[in-house]
Amino acid sequence: MNANNKKVTVYSTPTCPYCVYAKDFFKENNVAFTDVDVSRNQSAAQEMITKSGQMGVPVIDIDGTILVGFQPEEFIKLLK
């Protein structure tokens, strides 16, 4: 995967297992990402809701494309 030029943001909470799966996926594939804990950052939580229309996590922003949930197949497509 050549994701060096992709900006990846993971909106997550510490208690969400799918958030952990998503972050582990990016780590295992050497994809740099920003982890935003929406349980501690109200403005980031609002940003996530505005971007995705969802209150659930994880919400993943890959270069402006918003994905909700752990979707490794979609991550791979967007990171190529």
PDB file of N, CA and C in Angstrom:
ATOM      1  N   MET A   1       0.839  -1.171   0.000  1.00  0.00           N
ATOM      2  CA  MET A   1       0.000   0.000   0.000  1.00  0.00           C
ATOM      3  C   MET A   1       0.890   1.241   0.000  1.00  0.00           C
ATOM      4  N   ASN A   2       0.614   2.162  -0.889  1.00  0.00           N
ATOM      5  CA  ASN A   2       1.392   3.392  -0.947  1.00  0.00           C
ATOM      6  C   ASN A   2       0.525   4.537  -0.439  1.00  0.00           C
ATOM      7  N   ALA A   3       0.527   4.706   0.881  1.00  0.00           N
ATOM      8  CA  ALA A   3      -0.361   5.699   1.488  1.00  0.00           C
ATOM      9  C   ALA A   3       0.404   6.920   1.977  1.00  0.00           C
ATOM     10  N   ASN A   4       1.644   7.059   1.561  1.00  0.00           N
ATOM     11  CA  ASN A   4       2.476   8.138   2.087  1.00  0.00           C
ATOM     12  C   ASN A   4       1.894   9.517   1.849  1.00  0.00           C
ATOM     13  N   ASN A   5       1.162   9.688   0.764  1.00  0.00           N
ATOM     14  CA  ASN A   5       0.642  11.011   0.447  1.00  0.00           C
ATOM     15  C   ASN A   5      -0.817  11.181   0.856  1.00  0.00           C
ATOM     16  N   LYS A   6      -1.354  10.248   1.598  1.00  0.00           N
ATOM     17  CA  LYS A   6      -2.755  10.309   2.030  1.00  0.00           C
ATOM     18  C   LYS A   6      -2.832  10.823   3.469  1.00  0.00           C
ATOM     19  N   LYS A   7      -3.816  11.691   3.710  1.00  0.00           N
ATOM     20  CA  LYS A   7      -4.059  12.170   5.068  1.00  0.00           C
ATOM     21  C   LYS A   7      -5.162  11.324   5.675  1.00  0.00           C
ATOM     22  N   VAL A   8      -4.844  10.649   6.779  1.00  0.00           N
ATOM     23  CA  VAL A   8      -5.795   9.744   7.423  1.00  0.00           C
ATOM     24  C   VAL A   8      -6.061  10.226   8.848  1.00  0.00           C
ATOM     25  N   THR A   9      -7.339  10.377   9.175  1.00  0.00           N
ATOM     26  CA  THR A   9      -7.747  10.741  10.529  1.00  0.00           C
ATOM     27  C   THR A   9      -8.744   9.705  11.018  1.00  0.00           C
ATOM     28  N   VAL A  10      -8.512   9.206  12.234  1.00  0.00           N
ATOM     29  CA  VAL A  10      -9.420   8.244  12.853  1.00  0.00           C
ATOM     30  C   VAL A  10     -10.067   8.931  14.048  1.00  0.00           C
ATOM     31  N   TYR A  11     -11.381   9.118  13.972  1.00  0.00           N
ATOM     32  CA  TYR A  11     -12.145   9.645  15.103  1.00  0.00           C
ATOM     33  C   TYR A  11     -12.590   8.428  15.906  1.00  0.00           C
ATOM     34  N   SER A  12     -12.198   8.392  17.183  1.00  0.00           N
ATOM     35  CA  SER A  12     -12.402   7.173  17.960  1.00  0.00           C
ATOM     36  C   SER A  12     -12.666   7.490  19.426  1.00  0.00           C
ATOM     37  N   THR A  13     -12.959   6.415  20.173  1.00  0.00           N
ATOM     38  CA  THR A  13     -13.033   6.477  21.630  1.00  0.00           C
ATOM     39  C   THR A  13     -12.206   5.324  22.180  1.00  0.00           C
ATOM     40  N   PRO A  14     -11.719   5.451  23.410  1.00  0.00           N
ATOM     41  CA  PRO A  14     -10.874   4.391  23.972  1.00  0.00           C
ATOM     42  C   PRO A  14     -11.596   3.063  24.183  1.00  0.00           C
ATOM     43  N   THR A  15     -12.924   3.071  24.319  1.00  0.00           N
ATOM     44  CA  THR A  15     -13.661   1.847  24.632  1.00  0.00           C
ATOM     45  C   THR A  15     -14.251   1.153  23.411  1.00  0.00           C
ATOM     46  N   CYS A  16     -13.990   1.676  22.218  1.00  0.00           N
ATOM     47  CA  CYS A  16     -14.586   1.139  20.997  1.00  0.00           C
ATOM     48  C   CYS A  16     -13.668   0.086  20.366  1.00  0.00           C
ATOM     49  N   PRO A  17     -14.099  -1.184  20.330  1.00  0.00           N
ATOM     50  CA  PRO A  17     -13.234  -2.221  19.755  1.00  0.00           C
ATOM     51  C   PRO A  17     -12.963  -2.023  18.265  1.00  0.00           C
ATOM     52  N   TYR A  18     -13.948  -1.525  17.521  1.00  0.00           N
ATOM     53  CA  TYR A  18     -13.736  -1.333  16.083  1.00  0.00           C
ATOM     54  C   TYR A  18     -12.764  -0.191  15.814  1.00  0.00           C
ATOM     55  N   CYS A  19     -12.691   0.749  16.742  1.00  0.00           N
ATOM     56  CA  CYS A  19     -11.689   1.820  16.637  1.00  0.00           C
ATOM     57  C   CYS A  19     -10.292   1.219  16.757  1.00  0.00           C
ATOM     58  N   VAL A  20     -10.139   0.311  17.707  1.00  0.00           N
ATOM     59  CA  VAL A  20      -8.850  -0.366  17.896  1.00  0.00           C
ATOM     60  C   VAL A  20      -8.497  -1.165  16.647  1.00  0.00           C
ATOM     61  N   TYR A  21      -9.466  -1.878  16.077  1.00  0.00           N
ATOM     62  CA  TYR A  21      -9.210  -2.647  14.857  1.00  0.00           C
ATOM     63  C   TYR A  21      -8.736  -1.732  13.728  1.00  0.00           C
ATOM     64  N   ALA A  22      -9.399  -0.597  13.573  1.00  0.00           N
ATOM     65  CA  ALA A  22      -9.031   0.333  12.502  1.00  0.00           C
ATOM     66  C   ALA A  22      -7.619   0.867  12.717  1.00  0.00           C
ATOM     67  N   LYS A  23      -7.313   1.299  13.937  1.00  0.00           N
ATOM     68  CA  LYS A  23      -5.979   1.845  14.219  1.00  0.00           C
ATOM     69  C   LYS A  23      -4.908   0.768  14.057  1.00  0.00           C
ATOM     70  N   ASP A  24      -5.213  -0.458  14.496  1.00  0.00           N
ATOM     71  CA  ASP A  24      -4.260  -1.562  14.315  1.00  0.00           C
ATOM     72  C   ASP A  24      -4.036  -1.843  12.834  1.00  0.00           C
ATOM     73  N   PHE A  25      -5.095  -1.785  12.046  1.00  0.00           N
ATOM     74  CA  PHE A  25      -4.974  -1.998  10.600  1.00  0.00           C
ATOM     75  C   PHE A  25      -3.987  -0.989  10.005  1.00  0.00           C
ATOM     76  N   PHE A  26      -4.160   0.292  10.338  1.00  0.00           N
ATOM     77  CA  PHE A  26      -3.270   1.319   9.791  1.00  0.00           C
ATOM     78  C   PHE A  26      -1.837   1.125  10.282  1.00  0.00           C
ATOM     79  N   LYS A  27      -1.675   0.790  11.556  1.00  0.00           N
ATOM     80  CA  LYS A  27      -0.324   0.556  12.098  1.00  0.00           C
ATOM     81  C   LYS A  27       0.346  -0.618  11.383  1.00  0.00           C
ATOM     82  N   GLU A  28      -0.390  -1.720  11.234  1.00  0.00           N
ATOM     83  CA  GLU A  28       0.167  -2.928  10.603  1.00  0.00           C
ATOM     84  C   GLU A  28       0.548  -2.686   9.149  1.00  0.00           C
ATOM     85  N   ASN A  29      -0.123  -1.738   8.503  1.00  0.00           N
ATOM     86  CA  ASN A  29       0.153  -1.432   7.104  1.00  0.00           C
ATOM     87  C   ASN A  29       1.012  -0.180   6.932  1.00  0.00           C
ATOM     88  N   ASN A  30       1.628   0.258   8.044  1.00  0.00           N
ATOM     89  CA  ASN A  30       2.535   1.415   8.028  1.00  0.00           C
ATOM     90  C   ASN A  30       1.895   2.658   7.426  1.00  0.00           C
ATOM     91  N   VAL A  31       0.628   2.897   7.791  1.00  0.00           N
ATOM     92  CA  VAL A  31      -0.091   4.081   7.334  1.00  0.00           C
ATOM     93  C   VAL A  31      -0.123   5.081   8.491  1.00  0.00           C
ATOM     94  N   ALA A  32       0.476   6.233   8.265  1.00  0.00           N
ATOM     95  CA  ALA A  32       0.446   7.277   9.291  1.00  0.00           C
ATOM     96  C   ALA A  32      -0.976   7.808   9.412  1.00  0.00           C
ATOM     97  N   PHE A  33      -1.420   8.022  10.650  1.00  0.00           N
ATOM     98  CA  PHE A  33      -2.760   8.556  10.859  1.00  0.00           C
ATOM     99  C   PHE A  33      -2.780   9.404  12.123  1.00  0.00           C
ATOM    100  N   THR A  34      -3.777  10.272  12.178  1.00  0.00           N
ATOM    101  CA  THR A  34      -4.021  11.070  13.366  1.00  0.00           C
ATOM    102  C   THR A  34      -5.190  10.443  14.096  1.00  0.00           C
ATOM    103  N   ASP A  35      -4.991  10.157  15.376  1.00  0.00           N
ATOM    104  CA  ASP A  35      -6.054   9.583  16.199  1.00  0.00           C
ATOM    105  C   ASP A  35      -6.690  10.700  17.006  1.00  0.00           C
ATOM    106  N   VAL A  36      -7.996  10.887  16.840  1.00  0.00           N
ATOM    107  CA  VAL A  36      -8.722  11.931  17.551  1.00  0.00           C
ATOM    108  C   VAL A  36      -9.713  11.262  18.499  1.00  0.00           C
ATOM    109  N   ASP A  37      -9.495  11.435  19.801  1.00  0.00           N
ATOM    110  CA  ASP A  37     -10.369  10.861  20.823  1.00  0.00           C
ATOM    111  C   ASP A  37     -11.555  11.798  21.030  1.00  0.00           C
ATOM    112  N   VAL A  38     -12.683  11.436  20.438  1.00  0.00           N
ATOM    113  CA  VAL A  38     -13.863  12.303  20.507  1.00  0.00           C
ATOM    114  C   VAL A  38     -14.549  12.255  21.873  1.00  0.00           C
ATOM    115  N   SER A  39     -14.146  11.334  22.727  1.00  0.00           N
ATOM    116  CA  SER A  39     -14.723  11.297  24.075  1.00  0.00           C
ATOM    117  C   SER A  39     -14.122  12.397  24.948  1.00  0.00           C
ATOM    118  N   ARG A  40     -12.978  12.910  24.550  1.00  0.00           N
ATOM    119  CA  ARG A  40     -12.301  13.942  25.341  1.00  0.00           C
ATOM    120  C   ARG A  40     -12.269  15.299  24.652  1.00  0.00           C
ATOM    121  N   ASN A  41     -12.709  15.348  23.408  1.00  0.00           N
ATOM    122  CA  ASN A  41     -12.593  16.583  22.633  1.00  0.00           C
ATOM    123  C   ASN A  41     -13.942  16.873  21.981  1.00  0.00           C
ATOM    124  N   GLN A  42     -14.718  17.746  22.613  1.00  0.00           N
ATOM    125  CA  GLN A  42     -16.082  18.021  22.146  1.00  0.00           C
ATOM    126  C   GLN A  42     -16.099  18.665  20.767  1.00  0.00           C
ATOM    127  N   SER A  43     -15.144  19.557  20.483  1.00  0.00           N
ATOM    128  CA  SER A  43     -15.136  20.196  19.161  1.00  0.00           C
ATOM    129  C   SER A  43     -14.791  19.178  18.071  1.00  0.00           C
ATOM    130  N   ALA A  44     -13.912  18.230  18.383  1.00  0.00           N
ATOM    131  CA  ALA A  44     -13.598  17.172  17.419  1.00  0.00           C
ATOM    132  C   ALA A  44     -14.798  16.256  17.217  1.00  0.00           C
ATOM    133  N   ALA A  45     -15.548  16.003  18.282  1.00  0.00           N
ATOM    134  CA  ALA A  45     -16.754  15.181  18.162  1.00  0.00           C
ATOM    135  C   ALA A  45     -17.758  15.871  17.239  1.00  0.00           C
ATOM    136  N   GLN A  46     -17.911  17.173  17.385  1.00  0.00           N
ATOM    137  CA  GLN A  46     -18.831  17.914  16.518  1.00  0.00           C
ATOM    138  C   GLN A  46     -18.334  17.898  15.069  1.00  0.00           C
ATOM    139  N   GLU A  47     -17.024  18.035  14.889  1.00  0.00           N
ATOM    140  CA  GLU A  47     -16.429  17.974  13.543  1.00  0.00           C
ATOM    141  C   GLU A  47     -16.726  16.621  12.898  1.00  0.00           C
ATOM    142  N   MET A  48     -16.584  15.541  13.677  1.00  0.00           N
ATOM    143  CA  MET A  48     -16.846  14.190  13.185  1.00  0.00           C
ATOM    144  C   MET A  48     -18.313  14.061  12.764  1.00  0.00           C
ATOM    145  N   ILE A  49     -19.232  14.569  13.585  1.00  0.00           N
ATOM    146  CA  ILE A  49     -20.659  14.486  13.279  1.00  0.00           C
ATOM    147  C   ILE A  49     -20.981  15.290  12.022  1.00  0.00           C
ATOM    148  N   THR A  50     -20.365  16.454  11.892  1.00  0.00           N
ATOM    149  CA  THR A  50     -20.580  17.289  10.711  1.00  0.00           C
ATOM    150  C   THR A  50     -20.088  16.590   9.450  1.00  0.00           C
ATOM    151  N   LYS A  51     -18.915  15.967   9.529  1.00  0.00           N
ATOM    152  CA  LYS A  51     -18.341  15.280   8.363  1.00  0.00           C
ATOM    153  C   LYS A  51     -19.138  14.043   7.969  1.00  0.00           C
ATOM    154  N   SER A  52     -19.570  13.269   8.975  1.00  0.00           N
ATOM    155  CA  SER A  52     -20.128  11.942   8.695  1.00  0.00           C
ATOM    156  C   SER A  52     -21.640  11.851   8.836  1.00  0.00           C
ATOM    157  N   GLY A  53     -22.239  12.777   9.580  1.00  0.00           N
ATOM    158  CA  GLY A  53     -23.652  12.649   9.890  1.00  0.00           C
ATOM    159  C   GLY A  53     -23.917  11.570  10.928  1.00  0.00           C
ATOM    160  N   GLN A  54     -22.859  11.046  11.526  1.00  0.00           N
ATOM    161  CA  GLN A  54     -22.966   9.929  12.472  1.00  0.00           C
ATOM    162  C   GLN A  54     -22.411  10.326  13.835  1.00  0.00           C
ATOM    163  N   MET A  55     -22.961   9.708  14.875  1.00  0.00           N
ATOM    164  CA  MET A  55     -22.420   9.906  16.217  1.00  0.00           C
ATOM    165  C   MET A  55     -21.602   8.702  16.656  1.00  0.00           C
ATOM    166  N   GLY A  56     -21.678   7.611  15.906  1.00  0.00           N
ATOM    167  CA  GLY A  56     -20.935   6.402  16.255  1.00  0.00           C
ATOM    168  C   GLY A  56     -19.515   6.464  15.744  1.00  0.00           C
ATOM    169  N   VAL A  57     -18.645   5.707  16.379  1.00  0.00           N
ATOM    170  CA  VAL A  57     -17.251   5.614  15.978  1.00  0.00           C
ATOM    171  C   VAL A  57     -16.931   4.169  15.616  1.00  0.00           C
ATOM    172  N   PRO A  58     -15.892   3.919  14.860  1.00  0.00           N
ATOM    173  CA  PRO A  58     -14.969   4.909  14.322  1.00  0.00           C
ATOM    174  C   PRO A  58     -15.497   5.585  13.056  1.00  0.00           C
ATOM    175  N   VAL A  59     -15.063   6.806  12.883  1.00  0.00           N
ATOM    176  CA  VAL A  59     -15.235   7.518  11.627  1.00  0.00           C
ATOM    177  C   VAL A  59     -13.829   7.750  11.099  1.00  0.00           C
ATOM    178  N   ILE A  60     -13.599   7.339   9.862  1.00  0.00           N
ATOM    179  CA  ILE A  60     -12.273   7.462   9.261  1.00  0.00           C
ATOM    180  C   ILE A  60     -12.360   8.411   8.079  1.00  0.00           C
ATOM    181  N   ASP A  61     -11.455   9.387   8.084  1.00  0.00           N
ATOM    182  CA  ASP A  61     -11.359  10.364   6.998  1.00  0.00           C
ATOM    183  C   ASP A  61     -10.064  10.065   6.255  1.00  0.00           C
ATOM    184  N   ILE A  62     -10.183   9.601   5.017  1.00  0.00           N
ATOM    185  CA  ILE A  62      -9.013   9.337   4.178  1.00  0.00           C
ATOM    186  C   ILE A  62      -9.063  10.323   3.030  1.00  0.00           C
ATOM    187  N   ASP A  63      -8.246  11.346   3.130  1.00  0.00           N
ATOM    188  CA  ASP A  63      -8.191  12.403   2.107  1.00  0.00           C
ATOM    189  C   ASP A  63      -9.565  12.960   1.765  1.00  0.00           C
ATOM    190  N   GLY A  64     -10.402  13.159   2.781  1.00  0.00           N
ATOM    191  CA  GLY A  64     -11.713  13.760   2.557  1.00  0.00           C
ATOM    192  C   GLY A  64     -12.834  12.775   2.285  1.00  0.00           C
ATOM    193  N   THR A  65     -12.516  11.504   2.087  1.00  0.00           N
ATOM    194  CA  THR A  65     -13.545  10.484   1.943  1.00  0.00           C
ATOM    195  C   THR A  65     -13.854   9.935   3.327  1.00  0.00           C
ATOM    196  N   ILE A  66     -15.114   9.973   3.708  1.00  0.00           N
ATOM    197  CA  ILE A  66     -15.525   9.589   5.054  1.00  0.00           C
ATOM    198  C   ILE A  66     -16.078   8.164   5.053  1.00  0.00           C
ATOM    199  N   LEU A  67     -15.528   7.352   5.953  1.00  0.00           N
ATOM    200  CA  LEU A  67     -16.016   5.983   6.142  1.00  0.00           C
ATOM    201  C   LEU A  67     -16.445   5.835   7.593  1.00  0.00           C
ATOM    202  N   VAL A  68     -17.537   5.134   7.809  1.00  0.00           N
ATOM    203  CA  VAL A  68     -18.005   4.876   9.160  1.00  0.00           C
ATOM    204  C   VAL A  68     -17.842   3.393   9.436  1.00  0.00           C
ATOM    205  N   GLY A  69     -17.130   3.071  10.513  1.00  0.00           N
ATOM    206  CA  GLY A  69     -16.920   1.676  10.882  1.00  0.00           C
ATOM    207  C   GLY A  69     -15.599   1.142  10.368  1.00  0.00           C
ATOM    208  N   PHE A  70     -15.336  -0.095  10.742  1.00  0.00           N
ATOM    209  CA  PHE A  70     -14.110  -0.778  10.346  1.00  0.00           C
ATOM    210  C   PHE A  70     -14.351  -1.446   8.996  1.00  0.00           C
ATOM    211  N   GLN A  71     -13.762  -0.880   7.933  1.00  0.00           N
ATOM    212  CA  GLN A  71     -13.973  -1.363   6.567  1.00  0.00           C
ATOM    213  C   GLN A  71     -12.620  -1.546   5.871  1.00  0.00           C
ATOM    214  N   PRO A  72     -11.870  -2.577   6.244  1.00  0.00           N
ATOM    215  CA  PRO A  72     -10.518  -2.718   5.698  1.00  0.00           C
ATOM    216  C   PRO A  72     -10.451  -2.763   4.170  1.00  0.00           C
ATOM    217  N   GLU A  73     -11.458  -3.378   3.519  1.00  0.00           N
ATOM    218  CA  GLU A  73     -11.430  -3.443   2.059  1.00  0.00           C
ATOM    219  C   GLU A  73     -11.488  -2.023   1.466  1.00  0.00           C
ATOM    220  N   GLU A  74     -12.330  -1.181   2.060  1.00  0.00           N
ATOM    221  CA  GLU A  74     -12.445   0.197   1.586  1.00  0.00           C
ATOM    222  C   GLU A  74     -11.173   0.997   1.910  1.00  0.00           C
ATOM    223  N   PHE A  75     -10.586   0.741   3.072  1.00  0.00           N
ATOM    224  CA  PHE A  75      -9.339   1.423   3.437  1.00  0.00           C
ATOM    225  C   PHE A  75      -8.290   1.149   2.365  1.00  0.00           C
ATOM    226  N   ILE A  76      -8.179  -0.130   1.973  1.00  0.00           N
ATOM    227  CA  ILE A  76      -7.172  -0.522   0.983  1.00  0.00           C
ATOM    228  C   ILE A  76      -7.424   0.191  -0.339  1.00  0.00           C
ATOM    229  N   LYS A  77      -8.680   0.219  -0.795  1.00  0.00           N
ATOM    230  CA  LYS A  77      -9.007   0.893  -2.057  1.00  0.00           C
ATOM    231  C   LYS A  77      -8.618   2.365  -2.006  1.00  0.00           C
ATOM    232  N   LEU A  78      -8.938   3.039  -0.913  1.00  0.00           N
ATOM    233  CA  LEU A  78      -8.684   4.470  -0.813  1.00  0.00           C
ATOM    234  C   LEU A  78      -7.209   4.803  -0.593  1.00  0.00           C
ATOM    235  N   LEU A  79      -6.447   3.853  -0.096  1.00  0.00           N
ATOM    236  CA  LEU A  79      -5.039   4.119   0.197  1.00  0.00           C
ATOM    237  C   LEU A  79      -4.108   3.803  -0.982  1.00  0.00           C
ATOM    238  N   LYS A  80      -4.640   3.195  -2.029  1.00  0.00           N
ATOM    239  CA  LYS A  80      -3.796   2.854  -3.182  1.00  0.00           C
ATOM    240  C   LYS A  80      -3.461   4.079  -3.986  1.00  0.00           C
TER     241      LYS A  80
END
